[in-house]
Amino acid sequence: MFKQLIGKVSDLEIAISFNGNMMEGIKKDLEEIKKENKNLKREHEKLKIEVQSLKNEMAILKNQAVANAVTADFQTRRNNVIMIGLSKTAEVVKVLNKLDINIKDEEIKTRQISSKGHMKPILVTFPSESTRNEVLLKRKAKGLLNSENMELDGDRRNIYINEDLPKITRDLFRKASELKNIGYMYVWVKEGKVLCRKSEFSRIIQVSHEGLIDLLKDN
């Protein structure tokens, strides 16, 4: 019995030793797994940073591409104005002459733009940008234009002469005009840029994107 007891104790010691070795092996495996997990986490964080960096670069490139497209589009419009309130293209030269713009009918190109109203806006292209700028300056100096002070036939109506703007700029200007509802006195477009000013003596702000309009509304 004593020999049997010693044998059992010996077997137990072997089993304990085996289990101990197994546990050591498991611990080592777990340590390796932990190290691998840490490495994987570091790699994951690195990849997240790289992905975010690529997203930022893509956003910058996209904004730059949009800005370049708008600039290129604007360049093609630099000799143009849009006239609103004229019943026919023949009235364009009459208005220009009343503004003391010395120009002949054959020196300009006119085209009516599709519109829901019965008086469609007229796109007017001048021979040069300087002529276009002269028209805009004299329109501003003249003040409010209408069919009476321009000596046009028909019912009295207001006449507007504006820059020919790309759609994205027109939409931005329309959105920026909402600033007048919160106290901004002036919102206008000059050289394709949307500008605003809260009062006569406050600084001029260039509205470059819709997000800035929301910020101005909140402040």
Protein backbone atom coordinates (compact mmCIF):
# COMPACT_ATOMS: atom_id res chain seq x y z
CA MET A 1 0.00 0.00 0.00
CA PHE A 2 2.88 2.34 0.85
CA LYS A 3 4.43 1.61 -2.53
CA GLN A 4 1.09 2.23 -4.21
CA LEU A 5 0.74 5.50 -2.32
CA ILE A 6 4.23 6.57 -3.38
CA GLY A 7 3.36 5.66 -6.97
CA LYS A 8 0.20 7.72 -6.86
CA VAL A 9 2.07 10.68 -5.38
CA SER A 10 4.68 10.33 -8.09
CA ASP A 11 1.96 10.22 -10.75
CA LEU A 12 0.38 13.29 -9.17
CA GLU A 13 3.68 15.14 -9.23
CA ILE A 14 4.13 14.25 -12.88
CA ALA A 15 0.59 15.44 -13.62
CA ILE A 16 1.15 18.67 -11.71
CA SER A 17 4.45 19.22 -13.48
CA PHE A 18 2.78 18.53 -16.83
CA ASN A 19 -0.06 20.90 -16.05
CA GLY A 20 2.42 23.51 -14.86
CA ASN A 21 4.36 23.24 -18.10
CA MET A 22 1.11 23.43 -20.04
CA MET A 23 0.09 26.57 -18.12
CA GLU A 24 3.48 28.14 -18.81
CA GLY A 25 2.98 27.38 -22.47
CA ILE A 26 -0.49 28.88 -22.42
CA LYS A 27 0.84 31.99 -20.64
CA LYS A 28 3.54 32.37 -23.26
CA ASP A 29 0.96 31.96 -26.01
CA LEU A 30 -1.26 34.57 -24.36
CA GLU A 31 1.66 36.99 -24.10
CA GLU A 32 2.37 36.49 -27.79
CA ILE A 33 -1.30 37.07 -28.61
CA LYS A 34 -1.29 40.27 -26.50
CA LYS A 35 1.81 41.50 -28.31
CA GLU A 36 0.21 40.74 -31.68
CA ASN A 37 -2.98 42.54 -30.60
CA LYS A 38 -0.96 45.59 -29.58
CA ASN A 39 0.83 45.55 -32.93
CA LEU A 40 -2.49 45.15 -34.73
CA LYS A 41 -3.98 48.06 -32.77
CA ARG A 42 -0.98 50.24 -33.63
CA GLU A 43 -1.30 49.29 -37.29
CA HIS A 44 -5.04 49.96 -37.16
CA GLU A 45 -4.51 53.43 -35.64
CA LYS A 46 -1.82 54.13 -38.22
CA LEU A 47 -4.17 53.10 -41.02
CA LYS A 48 -6.97 55.27 -39.56
CA ILE A 49 -4.63 58.28 -39.57
CA GLU A 50 -3.53 57.54 -43.13
CA VAL A 51 -7.15 57.13 -44.29
CA GLN A 52 -8.16 60.41 -42.62
CA SER A 53 -5.17 62.12 -44.18
CA LEU A 54 -6.19 60.81 -47.62
CA LYS A 55 -9.77 61.99 -47.03
CA ASN A 56 -8.49 65.46 -46.12
CA GLU A 57 -6.30 65.54 -49.21
CA MET A 58 -9.23 64.42 -51.37
CA ALA A 59 -11.45 67.12 -49.86
CA ILE A 60 -8.78 69.76 -50.55
CA LEU A 61 -8.34 68.52 -54.13
CA LYS A 62 -12.11 68.45 -54.65
CA ASN A 63 -12.51 72.00 -53.32
CA GLN A 64 -9.59 73.12 -55.46
CA ALA A 65 -11.09 71.45 -58.52
CA VAL A 66 -14.43 73.17 -57.87
CA ALA A 67 -12.66 76.51 -57.34
CA ASN A 68 -10.67 76.06 -60.56
CA ALA A 69 -13.82 75.15 -62.47
CA VAL A 70 -15.64 78.20 -61.10
CA THR A 71 -12.65 80.42 -61.96
CA ALA A 72 -12.46 79.01 -65.48
CA ASP A 73 -16.22 79.42 -65.91
CA PHE A 74 -16.03 82.98 -64.60
CA GLN A 75 -13.22 83.82 -67.03
CA THR A 76 -15.50 82.94 -69.94
CA ARG A 77 -18.13 85.34 -68.57
CA ARG A 78 -15.93 88.37 -67.91
CA ASN A 79 -17.23 90.27 -70.95
CA ASN A 80 -20.89 89.55 -70.16
CA VAL A 81 -23.78 91.09 -68.26
CA ILE A 82 -27.32 89.87 -67.68
CA MET A 83 -30.06 92.42 -68.37
CA ILE A 84 -33.45 91.83 -66.75
CA GLY A 85 -36.65 93.74 -67.50
CA LEU A 86 -36.27 94.26 -71.24
CA SER A 87 -39.04 93.10 -73.56
CA LYS A 88 -36.74 92.47 -76.53
CA THR A 89 -33.06 92.43 -77.43
CA ALA A 90 -33.47 95.61 -79.50
CA GLU A 91 -33.86 97.55 -76.23
CA VAL A 92 -30.33 96.62 -75.11
CA VAL A 93 -28.56 99.26 -77.22
CA LYS A 94 -31.15 101.88 -76.18
CA VAL A 95 -30.36 101.26 -72.51
CA LEU A 96 -26.61 101.31 -73.16
CA ASN A 97 -26.86 104.60 -75.03
CA LYS A 98 -28.87 106.11 -72.16
CA LEU A 99 -26.00 105.07 -69.87
CA ASP A 100 -23.60 106.95 -72.19
CA ILE A 101 -21.97 103.77 -73.45
CA ASN A 102 -20.79 104.52 -76.96
CA ILE A 103 -21.46 101.21 -78.65
CA LYS A 104 -23.14 99.96 -81.79
CA ASP A 105 -25.55 97.08 -82.18
CA GLU A 106 -23.07 95.05 -84.23
CA GLU A 107 -20.40 95.37 -81.53
CA ILE A 108 -22.32 93.26 -79.02
CA LYS A 109 -23.90 89.84 -78.96
CA THR A 110 -27.28 89.28 -77.32
CA ARG A 111 -29.16 86.13 -76.43
CA GLN A 112 -32.34 85.62 -74.45
CA ILE A 113 -32.04 83.13 -71.60
CA SER A 114 -34.73 80.54 -70.90
CA SER A 115 -36.96 81.70 -68.07
CA LYS A 116 -40.50 81.25 -66.76
CA GLY A 117 -41.30 84.97 -66.96
CA HIS A 118 -42.61 86.65 -70.09
CA MET A 119 -39.60 89.00 -70.05
CA LYS A 120 -36.66 86.66 -70.39
CA PRO A 121 -33.25 87.80 -69.12
CA ILE A 122 -30.89 88.83 -71.91
CA LEU A 123 -27.24 87.78 -71.98
CA VAL A 124 -25.13 90.59 -73.43
CA THR A 125 -21.53 89.98 -74.51
CA PHE A 126 -19.28 93.01 -75.06
CA PRO A 127 -16.10 93.20 -77.14
CA SER A 128 -13.97 93.59 -73.99
CA GLU A 129 -14.03 93.30 -70.22
CA SER A 130 -13.31 97.03 -69.89
CA THR A 131 -16.57 97.83 -71.72
CA ARG A 132 -18.44 95.44 -69.42
CA ASN A 133 -16.91 97.15 -66.37
CA GLU A 134 -17.84 100.59 -67.72
CA VAL A 135 -21.46 99.45 -68.08
CA LEU A 136 -21.55 98.18 -64.48
CA LEU A 137 -20.00 101.39 -63.12
CA LYS A 138 -22.41 103.65 -64.99
CA ARG A 139 -25.36 101.49 -64.01
CA LYS A 140 -24.32 101.92 -60.36
CA ALA A 141 -23.86 105.69 -60.77
CA LYS A 142 -27.27 106.03 -62.44
CA GLY A 143 -29.06 104.32 -59.56
CA LEU A 144 -32.34 102.50 -60.07
CA LEU A 145 -33.07 101.91 -63.73
CA ASN A 146 -36.56 101.61 -65.14
CA SER A 147 -38.32 101.78 -68.48
CA GLU A 148 -39.21 105.46 -67.92
CA ASN A 149 -35.75 106.87 -67.29
CA MET A 150 -34.41 104.58 -70.03
CA GLU A 151 -37.19 105.91 -72.34
CA LEU A 152 -38.53 102.50 -73.34
CA ASP A 153 -42.06 101.80 -74.55
CA GLY A 154 -44.59 99.77 -72.58
CA ASP A 155 -45.62 99.55 -68.95
CA ARG A 156 -43.27 100.89 -66.29
CA ARG A 157 -40.84 98.23 -65.11
CA ASN A 158 -37.53 98.07 -63.31
CA ILE A 159 -34.42 97.16 -65.26
CA TYR A 160 -31.46 95.33 -63.73
CA ILE A 161 -27.94 94.88 -65.09
CA ASN A 162 -25.87 92.27 -63.29
CA GLU A 163 -22.65 90.33 -63.73
CA ASP A 164 -22.98 87.03 -65.57
CA LEU A 165 -22.21 84.60 -62.74
CA PRO A 166 -21.63 80.82 -62.70
CA LYS A 167 -24.52 78.87 -61.18
CA ILE A 168 -22.53 77.97 -58.05
CA THR A 169 -21.87 81.68 -57.41
CA ARG A 170 -25.50 82.62 -58.08
CA ASP A 171 -26.66 79.97 -55.60
CA LEU A 172 -24.12 81.18 -53.02
CA PHE A 173 -25.23 84.79 -53.49
CA ARG A 174 -28.88 83.79 -53.11
CA LYS A 175 -28.03 81.98 -49.86
CA ALA A 176 -25.86 84.86 -48.61
CA SER A 177 -28.74 87.29 -49.21
CA GLU A 178 -30.45 85.65 -46.23
CA LEU A 179 -27.92 87.52 -44.04
CA LYS A 180 -29.99 90.66 -44.59
CA ASN A 181 -32.66 89.03 -42.41
CA ILE A 182 -30.28 89.11 -39.42
CA GLY A 183 -29.00 92.67 -39.80
CA TYR A 184 -26.43 92.67 -42.58
CA MET A 185 -26.92 95.86 -44.59
CA TYR A 186 -25.04 94.84 -47.72
CA VAL A 187 -24.67 91.62 -49.69
CA TRP A 188 -23.31 91.95 -53.22
CA VAL A 189 -21.17 90.36 -55.92
CA LYS A 190 -18.04 91.93 -57.37
CA GLU A 191 -15.66 90.28 -59.84
CA GLY A 192 -17.33 86.94 -59.22
CA LYS A 193 -16.88 87.16 -55.43
CA VAL A 194 -19.81 87.17 -52.99
CA LEU A 195 -19.24 89.89 -50.39
CA CYS A 196 -21.14 91.13 -47.36
CA ARG A 197 -20.87 93.92 -44.81
CA LYS A 198 -22.85 94.34 -41.63
CA SER A 199 -22.81 98.14 -41.64
CA GLU A 200 -21.40 101.09 -43.55
CA PHE A 201 -18.19 101.06 -41.50
CA SER A 202 -17.71 97.35 -40.74
CA ARG A 203 -15.18 95.21 -42.58
CA ILE A 204 -16.04 93.50 -45.86
CA ILE A 205 -16.30 89.70 -45.62
CA GLN A 206 -15.87 87.43 -48.62
CA VAL A 207 -18.39 84.60 -48.51
CA SER A 208 -16.47 81.68 -50.00
CA HIS A 209 -18.78 78.83 -48.98
CA GLU A 210 -22.19 78.12 -47.42
CA GLY A 211 -20.65 77.01 -44.12
CA LEU A 212 -19.40 80.56 -43.55
CA ILE A 213 -22.94 81.89 -43.99
CA ASP A 214 -24.16 79.59 -41.20
CA LEU A 215 -21.31 80.82 -38.95
CA LEU A 216 -22.19 84.45 -39.64
CA LYS A 217 -25.81 83.73 -38.79
CA ASP A 218 -24.81 82.23 -35.43
CA ASN A 219 -22.53 85.14 -34.44
